[in-house]
Amino acid sequence: MQENSKDEYLKIAKEYLLNKIGDIFEIDDIHETDDTFCFQYQSKKFFETLKFEDQFVGQGPLFILKGSKKKFPTEVQQEEKKVLFI
């Protein structure tokens, strides 16, 4: 396989997302720059229904550096909130 090929990085992205969120996503867009691949993804259910309520909300794209293959997910992180009852 050609080094830095789109197919190679698509496979890496799919494996990462499968392990992170399960088999509930589809990659719908790929952008390539000199140094990275950027993968946009969305809920499989949304593509089936096209209903707003079936969309993922808060996730950003997954960036993968060419060469090192380091992954940079950009999803929104929720803080755990604790309540103190007095």
PDB file of N, CA and C in Angstrom:
ATOM      1  N   MET A   1       0.848  -1.189   0.000  1.00  0.00           N
ATOM      2  CA  MET A   1       0.000   0.000   0.000  1.00  0.00           C
ATOM      3  C   MET A   1       0.890   1.249   0.000  1.00  0.00           C
ATOM      4  N   GLN A   2       0.526   2.216  -0.773  1.00  0.00           N
ATOM      5  CA  GLN A   2       1.286   3.449  -0.866  1.00  0.00           C
ATOM      6  C   GLN A   2       1.291   4.165   0.483  1.00  0.00           C
ATOM      7  N   GLU A   3       2.477   4.666   0.890  1.00  0.00           N
ATOM      8  CA  GLU A   3       2.585   5.389   2.145  1.00  0.00           C
ATOM      9  C   GLU A   3       1.673   6.612   2.111  1.00  0.00           C
ATOM     10  N   ASN A   4       0.990   6.867   3.235  1.00  0.00           N
ATOM     11  CA  ASN A   4       0.086   8.007   3.387  1.00  0.00           C
ATOM     12  C   ASN A   4      -1.107   7.953   2.430  1.00  0.00           C
ATOM     13  N   SER A   5      -1.525   6.757   2.033  1.00  0.00           N
ATOM     14  CA  SER A   5      -2.674   6.669   1.141  1.00  0.00           C
ATOM     15  C   SER A   5      -3.966   6.923   1.909  1.00  0.00           C
ATOM     16  N   LYS A   6      -4.925   7.484   1.215  1.00  0.00           N
ATOM     17  CA  LYS A   6      -6.213   7.789   1.817  1.00  0.00           C
ATOM     18  C   LYS A   6      -6.870   6.529   2.381  1.00  0.00           C
ATOM     19  N   ASP A   7      -6.780   5.417   1.657  1.00  0.00           N
ATOM     20  CA  ASP A   7      -7.388   4.163   2.120  1.00  0.00           C
ATOM     21  C   ASP A   7      -6.781   3.677   3.430  1.00  0.00           C
ATOM     22  N   GLU A   8      -5.471   3.815   3.554  1.00  0.00           N
ATOM     23  CA  GLU A   8      -4.783   3.399   4.778  1.00  0.00           C
ATOM     24  C   GLU A   8      -5.285   4.216   5.976  1.00  0.00           C
ATOM     25  N   TYR A   9      -5.411   5.515   5.808  1.00  0.00           N
ATOM     26  CA  TYR A   9      -5.844   6.376   6.904  1.00  0.00           C
ATOM     27  C   TYR A   9      -7.343   6.243   7.165  1.00  0.00           C
ATOM     28  N   LEU A  10      -8.114   5.952   6.143  1.00  0.00           N
ATOM     29  CA  LEU A  10      -9.541   5.688   6.331  1.00  0.00           C
ATOM     30  C   LEU A  10      -9.720   4.448   7.198  1.00  0.00           C
ATOM     31  N   LYS A  11      -8.926   3.421   6.956  1.00  0.00           N
ATOM     32  CA  LYS A  11      -8.984   2.201   7.769  1.00  0.00           C
ATOM     33  C   LYS A  11      -8.627   2.509   9.225  1.00  0.00           C
ATOM     34  N   ILE A  12      -7.590   3.307   9.442  1.00  0.00           N
ATOM     35  CA  ILE A  12      -7.192   3.699  10.799  1.00  0.00           C
ATOM     36  C   ILE A  12      -8.319   4.460  11.485  1.00  0.00           C
ATOM     37  N   ALA A  13      -8.937   5.397  10.768  1.00  0.00           N
ATOM     38  CA  ALA A  13     -10.033   6.191  11.340  1.00  0.00           C
ATOM     39  C   ALA A  13     -11.221   5.305  11.707  1.00  0.00           C
ATOM     40  N   LYS A  14     -11.586   4.395  10.816  1.00  0.00           N
ATOM     41  CA  LYS A  14     -12.720   3.508  11.092  1.00  0.00           C
ATOM     42  C   LYS A  14     -12.455   2.619  12.298  1.00  0.00           C
ATOM     43  N   GLU A  15     -11.243   2.068  12.395  1.00  0.00           N
ATOM     44  CA  GLU A  15     -10.898   1.222  13.539  1.00  0.00           C
ATOM     45  C   GLU A  15     -10.938   2.015  14.840  1.00  0.00           C
ATOM     46  N   TYR A  16     -10.418   3.243  14.804  1.00  0.00           N
ATOM     47  CA  TYR A  16     -10.421   4.090  15.999  1.00  0.00           C
ATOM     48  C   TYR A  16     -11.851   4.386  16.446  1.00  0.00           C
ATOM     49  N   LEU A  17     -12.695   4.829  15.511  1.00  0.00           N
ATOM     50  CA  LEU A  17     -14.070   5.179  15.856  1.00  0.00           C
ATOM     51  C   LEU A  17     -14.875   3.957  16.274  1.00  0.00           C
ATOM     52  N   LEU A  18     -14.639   2.828  15.651  1.00  0.00           N
ATOM     53  CA  LEU A  18     -15.325   1.597  16.031  1.00  0.00           C
ATOM     54  C   LEU A  18     -15.011   1.240  17.481  1.00  0.00           C
ATOM     55  N   ASN A  19     -13.748   1.352  17.869  1.00  0.00           N
ATOM     56  CA  ASN A  19     -13.356   1.065  19.250  1.00  0.00           C
ATOM     57  C   ASN A  19     -13.857   2.117  20.228  1.00  0.00           C
ATOM     58  N   LYS A  20     -13.968   3.359  19.777  1.00  0.00           N
ATOM     59  CA  LYS A  20     -14.357   4.471  20.655  1.00  0.00           C
ATOM     60  C   LYS A  20     -15.877   4.556  20.855  1.00  0.00           C
ATOM     61  N   ILE A  21     -16.651   4.435  19.762  1.00  0.00           N
ATOM     62  CA  ILE A  21     -18.104   4.650  19.880  1.00  0.00           C
ATOM     63  C   ILE A  21     -18.945   3.482  19.379  1.00  0.00           C
ATOM     64  N   GLY A  22     -18.330   2.479  18.796  1.00  0.00           N
ATOM     65  CA  GLY A  22     -19.092   1.337  18.299  1.00  0.00           C
ATOM     66  C   GLY A  22     -19.480   1.501  16.838  1.00  0.00           C
ATOM     67  N   ASP A  23     -20.236   0.535  16.352  1.00  0.00           N
ATOM     68  CA  ASP A  23     -20.612   0.495  14.932  1.00  0.00           C
ATOM     69  C   ASP A  23     -21.877   1.308  14.669  1.00  0.00           C
ATOM     70  N   ILE A  24     -21.830   2.601  15.039  1.00  0.00           N
ATOM     71  CA  ILE A  24     -23.010   3.466  14.895  1.00  0.00           C
ATOM     72  C   ILE A  24     -22.711   4.712  14.067  1.00  0.00           C
ATOM     73  N   PHE A  25     -21.622   4.715  13.327  1.00  0.00           N
ATOM     74  CA  PHE A  25     -21.201   5.919  12.607  1.00  0.00           C
ATOM     75  C   PHE A  25     -20.945   5.609  11.137  1.00  0.00           C
ATOM     76  N   GLU A  26     -20.951   6.673  10.344  1.00  0.00           N
ATOM     77  CA  GLU A  26     -20.479   6.620   8.963  1.00  0.00           C
ATOM     78  C   GLU A  26     -19.571   7.821   8.739  1.00  0.00           C
ATOM     79  N   ILE A  27     -18.463   7.595   8.087  1.00  0.00           N
ATOM     80  CA  ILE A  27     -17.592   8.701   7.709  1.00  0.00           C
ATOM     81  C   ILE A  27     -18.170   9.289   6.427  1.00  0.00           C
ATOM     82  N   ASP A  28     -18.484  10.586   6.482  1.00  0.00           N
ATOM     83  CA  ASP A  28     -19.159  11.182   5.333  1.00  0.00           C
ATOM     84  C   ASP A  28     -18.323  12.190   4.565  1.00  0.00           C
ATOM     85  N   ASP A  29     -17.125  12.525   5.069  1.00  0.00           N
ATOM     86  CA  ASP A  29     -16.284  13.467   4.341  1.00  0.00           C
ATOM     87  C   ASP A  29     -14.845  13.311   4.806  1.00  0.00           C
ATOM     88  N   ILE A  30     -13.922  13.432   3.882  1.00  0.00           N
ATOM     89  CA  ILE A  30     -12.498  13.324   4.184  1.00  0.00           C
ATOM     90  C   ILE A  30     -11.779  14.498   3.536  1.00  0.00           C
ATOM     91  N   HIS A  31     -10.998  15.222   4.339  1.00  0.00           N
ATOM     92  CA  HIS A  31     -10.171  16.315   3.830  1.00  0.00           C
ATOM     93  C   HIS A  31      -8.715  15.934   4.033  1.00  0.00           C
ATOM     94  N   GLU A  32      -7.899  16.214   3.044  1.00  0.00           N
ATOM     95  CA  GLU A  32      -6.471  15.926   3.143  1.00  0.00           C
ATOM     96  C   GLU A  32      -5.682  17.216   3.026  1.00  0.00           C
ATOM     97  N   THR A  33      -4.714  17.396   3.927  1.00  0.00           N
ATOM     98  CA  THR A  33      -3.762  18.500   3.833  1.00  0.00           C
ATOM     99  C   THR A  33      -2.367  17.889   3.683  1.00  0.00           C
ATOM    100  N   ASP A  34      -1.361  18.728   3.668  1.00  0.00           N
ATOM    101  CA  ASP A  34       0.001  18.221   3.547  1.00  0.00           C
ATOM    102  C   ASP A  34       0.381  17.315   4.719  1.00  0.00           C
ATOM    103  N   ASP A  35      -0.161  17.609   5.908  1.00  0.00           N
ATOM    104  CA  ASP A  35       0.260  16.907   7.121  1.00  0.00           C
ATOM    105  C   ASP A  35      -0.788  16.016   7.759  1.00  0.00           C
ATOM    106  N   THR A  36      -2.055  16.159   7.375  1.00  0.00           N
ATOM    107  CA  THR A  36      -3.124  15.438   8.070  1.00  0.00           C
ATOM    108  C   THR A  36      -4.204  14.925   7.120  1.00  0.00           C
ATOM    109  N   PHE A  37      -4.970  13.991   7.662  1.00  0.00           N
ATOM    110  CA  PHE A  37      -6.266  13.630   7.104  1.00  0.00           C
ATOM    111  C   PHE A  37      -7.294  14.033   8.148  1.00  0.00           C
ATOM    112  N   CYS A  38      -8.409  14.564   7.710  1.00  0.00           N
ATOM    113  CA  CYS A  38      -9.488  14.992   8.591  1.00  0.00           C
ATOM    114  C   CYS A  38     -10.746  14.217   8.196  1.00  0.00           C
ATOM    115  N   PHE A  39     -11.320  13.499   9.150  1.00  0.00           N
ATOM    116  CA  PHE A  39     -12.479  12.655   8.888  1.00  0.00           C
ATOM    117  C   PHE A  39     -13.706  13.198   9.618  1.00  0.00           C
ATOM    118  N   GLN A  40     -14.725  13.555   8.851  1.00  0.00           N
ATOM    119  CA  GLN A  40     -16.011  13.963   9.409  1.00  0.00           C
ATOM    120  C   GLN A  40     -16.897  12.726   9.487  1.00  0.00           C
ATOM    121  N   TYR A  41     -17.617  12.566  10.579  1.00  0.00           N
ATOM    122  CA  TYR A  41     -18.479  11.395  10.709  1.00  0.00           C
ATOM    123  C   TYR A  41     -19.798  11.775  11.349  1.00  0.00           C
ATOM    124  N   GLN A  42     -20.793  10.927  11.140  1.00  0.00           N
ATOM    125  CA  GLN A  42     -22.139  11.179  11.633  1.00  0.00           C
ATOM    126  C   GLN A  42     -22.814   9.845  11.930  1.00  0.00           C
ATOM    127  N   SER A  43     -23.903   9.886  12.629  1.00  0.00           N
ATOM    128  CA  SER A  43     -24.678   8.712  13.016  1.00  0.00           C
ATOM    129  C   SER A  43     -25.238   7.984  11.794  1.00  0.00           C
ATOM    130  N   LYS A  44     -25.086   6.660  11.775  1.00  0.00           N
ATOM    131  CA  LYS A  44     -25.700   5.868  10.705  1.00  0.00           C
ATOM    132  C   LYS A  44     -27.209   6.082  10.685  1.00  0.00           C
ATOM    133  N   LYS A  45     -27.790   6.155  11.877  1.00  0.00           N
ATOM    134  CA  LYS A  45     -29.245   6.314  11.965  1.00  0.00           C
ATOM    135  C   LYS A  45     -29.691   7.622  11.303  1.00  0.00           C
ATOM    136  N   PHE A  46     -28.906   8.690  11.460  1.00  0.00           N
ATOM    137  CA  PHE A  46     -29.254   9.959  10.825  1.00  0.00           C
ATOM    138  C   PHE A  46     -29.298   9.823   9.308  1.00  0.00           C
ATOM    139  N   PHE A  47     -28.326   9.117   8.727  1.00  0.00           N
ATOM    140  CA  PHE A  47     -28.314   8.946   7.275  1.00  0.00           C
ATOM    141  C   PHE A  47     -29.490   8.092   6.799  1.00  0.00           C
ATOM    142  N   GLU A  48     -29.994   7.217   7.667  1.00  0.00           N
ATOM    143  CA  GLU A  48     -31.156   6.398   7.312  1.00  0.00           C
ATOM    144  C   GLU A  48     -32.460   7.188   7.412  1.00  0.00           C
ATOM    145  N   THR A  49     -32.577   8.006   8.476  1.00  0.00           N
ATOM    146  CA  THR A  49     -33.852   8.691   8.739  1.00  0.00           C
ATOM    147  C   THR A  49     -33.879  10.152   8.305  1.00  0.00           C
ATOM    148  N   LEU A  50     -32.710  10.788   8.263  1.00  0.00           N
ATOM    149  CA  LEU A  50     -32.563  12.231   8.027  1.00  0.00           C
ATOM    150  C   LEU A  50     -33.334  13.067   9.050  1.00  0.00           C
ATOM    151  N   LYS A  51     -33.524  12.519  10.236  1.00  0.00           N
ATOM    152  CA  LYS A  51     -34.185  13.237  11.330  1.00  0.00           C
ATOM    153  C   LYS A  51     -33.136  13.910  12.202  1.00  0.00           C
ATOM    154  N   PHE A  52     -33.389  15.181  12.516  1.00  0.00           N
ATOM    155  CA  PHE A  52     -32.471  15.964  13.322  1.00  0.00           C
ATOM    156  C   PHE A  52     -32.130  15.262  14.637  1.00  0.00           C
ATOM    157  N   GLU A  53     -33.129  14.657  15.267  1.00  0.00           N
ATOM    158  CA  GLU A  53     -32.905  14.030  16.573  1.00  0.00           C
ATOM    159  C   GLU A  53     -32.003  12.791  16.504  1.00  0.00           C
ATOM    160  N   ASP A  54     -31.710  12.296  15.316  1.00  0.00           N
ATOM    161  CA  ASP A  54     -30.834  11.134  15.163  1.00  0.00           C
ATOM    162  C   ASP A  54     -29.377  11.511  14.879  1.00  0.00           C
ATOM    163  N   GLN A  55     -29.079  12.814  14.856  1.00  0.00           N
ATOM    164  CA  GLN A  55     -27.713  13.260  14.596  1.00  0.00           C
ATOM    165  C   GLN A  55     -26.855  13.157  15.848  1.00  0.00           C
ATOM    166  N   PHE A  56     -25.550  12.951  15.639  1.00  0.00           N
ATOM    167  CA  PHE A  56     -24.600  13.148  16.724  1.00  0.00           C
ATOM    168  C   PHE A  56     -24.511  14.645  16.948  1.00  0.00           C
ATOM    169  N   VAL A  57     -24.356  15.054  18.193  1.00  0.00           N
ATOM    170  CA  VAL A  57     -24.195  16.468  18.513  1.00  0.00           C
ATOM    171  C   VAL A  57     -22.950  16.614  19.374  1.00  0.00           C
ATOM    172  N   GLY A  58     -22.081  17.526  19.019  1.00  0.00           N
ATOM    173  CA  GLY A  58     -20.916  17.821  19.838  1.00  0.00           C
ATOM    174  C   GLY A  58     -19.633  17.168  19.375  1.00  0.00           C
ATOM    175  N   GLN A  59     -19.741  16.213  18.475  1.00  0.00           N
ATOM    176  CA  GLN A  59     -18.495  15.608  17.994  1.00  0.00           C
ATOM    177  C   GLN A  59     -17.894  16.503  16.932  1.00  0.00           C
ATOM    178  N   GLY A  60     -16.599  16.520  16.900  1.00  0.00           N
ATOM    179  CA  GLY A  60     -15.894  17.226  15.843  1.00  0.00           C
ATOM    180  C   GLY A  60     -15.217  16.197  14.967  1.00  0.00           C
ATOM    181  N   PRO A  61     -14.444  16.650  14.028  1.00  0.00           N
ATOM    182  CA  PRO A  61     -13.761  15.700  13.147  1.00  0.00           C
ATOM    183  C   PRO A  61     -12.640  14.970  13.881  1.00  0.00           C
ATOM    184  N   LEU A  62     -12.205  13.882  13.283  1.00  0.00           N
ATOM    185  CA  LEU A  62     -11.044  13.137  13.751  1.00  0.00           C
ATOM    186  C   LEU A  62      -9.890  13.483  12.819  1.00  0.00           C
ATOM    187  N   PHE A  63      -8.800  14.008  13.392  1.00  0.00           N
ATOM    188  CA  PHE A  63      -7.606  14.312  12.628  1.00  0.00           C
ATOM    189  C   PHE A  63      -6.579  13.212  12.859  1.00  0.00           C
ATOM    190  N   ILE A  64      -5.893  12.800  11.798  1.00  0.00           N
ATOM    191  CA  ILE A  64      -4.808  11.838  11.908  1.00  0.00           C
ATOM    192  C   ILE A  64      -3.594  12.424  11.192  1.00  0.00           C
ATOM    193  N   LEU A  65      -2.485  12.509  11.940  1.00  0.00           N
ATOM    194  CA  LEU A  65      -1.255  13.029  11.353  1.00  0.00           C
ATOM    195  C   LEU A  65      -0.655  12.011  10.402  1.00  0.00           C
ATOM    196  N   LYS A  66      -0.230  12.487   9.262  1.00  0.00           N
ATOM    197  CA  LYS A  66       0.486  11.622   8.329  1.00  0.00           C
ATOM    198  C   LYS A  66       1.849  11.293   8.939  1.00  0.00           C
ATOM    199  N   GLY A  67       2.350  10.152   8.630  1.00  0.00           N
ATOM    200  CA  GLY A  67       3.655   9.754   9.155  1.00  0.00           C
ATOM    201  C   GLY A  67       3.533   9.079  10.502  1.00  0.00           C
ATOM    202  N   SER A  68       3.257   9.846  11.559  1.00  0.00           N
ATOM    203  CA  SER A  68       3.170   9.274  12.905  1.00  0.00           C
ATOM    204  C   SER A  68       1.857   8.540  13.142  1.00  0.00           C
ATOM    205  N   LYS A  69       0.828   8.879  12.371  1.00  0.00           N
ATOM    206  CA  LYS A  69      -0.516   8.306  12.495  1.00  0.00           C
ATOM    207  C   LYS A  69      -1.153   8.597  13.853  1.00  0.00           C
ATOM    208  N   LYS A  70      -0.690   9.649  14.512  1.00  0.00           N
ATOM    209  CA  LYS A  70      -1.271  10.068  15.791  1.00  0.00           C
ATOM    210  C   LYS A  70      -2.661  10.621  15.543  1.00  0.00           C
ATOM    211  N   LYS A  71      -3.599  10.259  16.425  1.00  0.00           N
ATOM    212  CA  LYS A  71      -4.998  10.642  16.269  1.00  0.00           C
ATOM    213  C   LYS A  71      -5.345  11.798  17.200  1.00  0.00           C
ATOM    214  N   PHE A  72      -6.130  12.736  16.675  1.00  0.00           N
ATOM    215  CA  PHE A  72      -6.590  13.881  17.445  1.00  0.00           C
ATOM    216  C   PHE A  72      -8.105  14.009  17.301  1.00  0.00           C
ATOM    217  N   PRO A  73      -8.858  13.346  18.189  1.00  0.00           N
ATOM    218  CA  PRO A  73     -10.313  13.513  18.153  1.00  0.00           C
ATOM    219  C   PRO A  73     -10.670  14.888  18.697  1.00  0.00           C
ATOM    220  N   THR A  74     -11.734  15.485  18.204  1.00  0.00           N
ATOM    221  CA  THR A  74     -12.116  16.834  18.644  1.00  0.00           C
ATOM    222  C   THR A  74     -13.531  16.865  19.195  1.00  0.00           C
ATOM    223  N   GLU A  75     -13.935  15.760  19.836  1.00  0.00           N
ATOM    224  CA  GLU A  75     -15.280  15.747  20.398  1.00  0.00           C
ATOM    225  C   GLU A  75     -15.350  16.631  21.633  1.00  0.00           C
ATOM    226  N   VAL A  76     -16.555  17.031  21.978  1.00  0.00           N
ATOM    227  CA  VAL A  76     -16.797  17.845  23.157  1.00  0.00           C
ATOM    228  C   VAL A  76     -16.671  16.943  24.381  1.00  0.00           C
ATOM    229  N   GLN A  77     -15.933  17.403  25.359  1.00  0.00           N
ATOM    230  CA  GLN A  77     -15.782  16.650  26.602  1.00  0.00           C
ATOM    231  C   GLN A  77     -16.734  17.233  27.643  1.00  0.00           C
ATOM    232  N   GLN A  78     -17.494  16.367  28.280  1.00  0.00           N
ATOM    233  CA  GLN A  78     -18.389  16.828  29.339  1.00  0.00           C
ATOM    234  C   GLN A  78     -17.704  16.640  30.677  1.00  0.00           C
ATOM    235  N   GLU A  79     -17.815  17.646  31.503  1.00  0.00           N
ATOM    236  CA  GLU A  79     -17.275  17.536  32.844  1.00  0.00           C
ATOM    237  C   GLU A  79     -18.291  16.843  33.731  1.00  0.00           C
ATOM    238  N   GLU A  80     -17.771  16.048  34.642  1.00  0.00           N
ATOM    239  CA  GLU A  80     -18.654  15.431  35.621  1.00  0.00           C
ATOM    240  C   GLU A  80     -18.960  16.484  36.676  1.00  0.00           C
ATOM    241  N   LYS A  81     -20.237  16.690  36.953  1.00  0.00           N
ATOM    242  CA  LYS A  81     -20.642  17.676  37.946  1.00  0.00           C
ATOM    243  C   LYS A  81     -21.088  16.941  39.202  1.00  0.00           C
ATOM    244  N   LYS A  82     -20.606  17.401  40.322  1.00  0.00           N
ATOM    245  CA  LYS A  82     -20.972  16.802  41.596  1.00  0.00           C
ATOM    246  C   LYS A  82     -21.792  17.811  42.374  1.00  0.00           C
ATOM    247  N   VAL A  83     -22.766  17.319  43.073  1.00  0.00           N
ATOM    248  CA  VAL A  83     -23.640  18.170  43.871  1.00  0.00           C
ATOM    249  C   VAL A  83     -23.403  17.828  45.328  1.00  0.00           C
ATOM    250  N   LEU A  84     -23.230  18.842  46.125  1.00  0.00           N
ATOM    251  CA  LEU A  84     -23.037  18.655  47.557  1.00  0.00           C
ATOM    252  C   LEU A  84     -24.339  19.015  48.252  1.00  0.00           C
ATOM    253  N   PHE A  85     -24.916  18.045  48.923  1.00  0.00           N
ATOM    254  CA  PHE A  85     -26.134  18.297  49.684  1.00  0.00           C
ATOM    255  C   PHE A  85     -25.755  18.594  51.130  1.00  0.00           C
ATOM    256  N   ILE A  86     -26.278  19.694  51.671  1.00  0.00           N
ATOM    257  CA  ILE A  86     -25.966  20.086  53.052  1.00  0.00           C
ATOM    258  C   ILE A  86     -27.173  19.842  53.925  1.00  0.00           C
TER     259      ILE A  86
END
